[in-house]
Amino acid sequence: MDASTLPPRRGRTITILAAAAAAVLVGAGVATAEDQPPPEVDRPSGFEGEVLAPHSAFTDDVQGELEITYDGGPTLESDLWDGAETALVVRVTWQPGGTSGWHTHPGPAVVTVTEGEVEVTNAVDCVPRTYRQGEAFMDPGQGNVHIARNPSDSENATAYATFLGVPDGEPATVWVEPADC
């Protein structure tokens, strides 16, 4: 199944361009719960990101396409690697019950869970998928609206995210209106 055969995304009543205009830039591109996204978009809670490696330029020509087939779900594609200029690495921490808020990324992200577990729900199918310590997942970015939560009532969850294709000086995370999941 390719992206053209996917069902329409739910809860996307604003365009990604409008969301990008409302994006919050913190440090080198990751926002925290203390930042205040505009009121029409979702807000993170119990969630913070620490930039470990700011926008780092690729010295080589980076190109490629990415296809992700989620367990029991859709196949999503990303072609933003064509002309990817930078990468950045962030340590993300969710407090117990913390949430990233509904968001997207300009390009693909590779996420490795190093502590606890993270529940990710993509708006395209509204199916929660849990990733545990020692597991990794990919997000295609480019408008794939999703939310990541820590389902634990007592323990933090931590992950390392490598964002690709984020233009220098631009945020890696763009908050959007909550999806209808």
Foldseek 3Di string as FASTA:
>chain_A
DEPVPFDDFFPFPDDVVVLQVQFDADDQAWDFQVDDGPPQFWGWDQKDKDWPFHWDFDPDQFFDKDWDDDVVHHIYIAGLRHRWTTKTKIKMKGAAFTKRGKKFFQAKKKKAKAAAKKWKAWRSVRDTDIDGHGDIDMDGGPPRIMMITRNGNHDMIIMMMMGIRAPGSGHGIGTHHHGPD
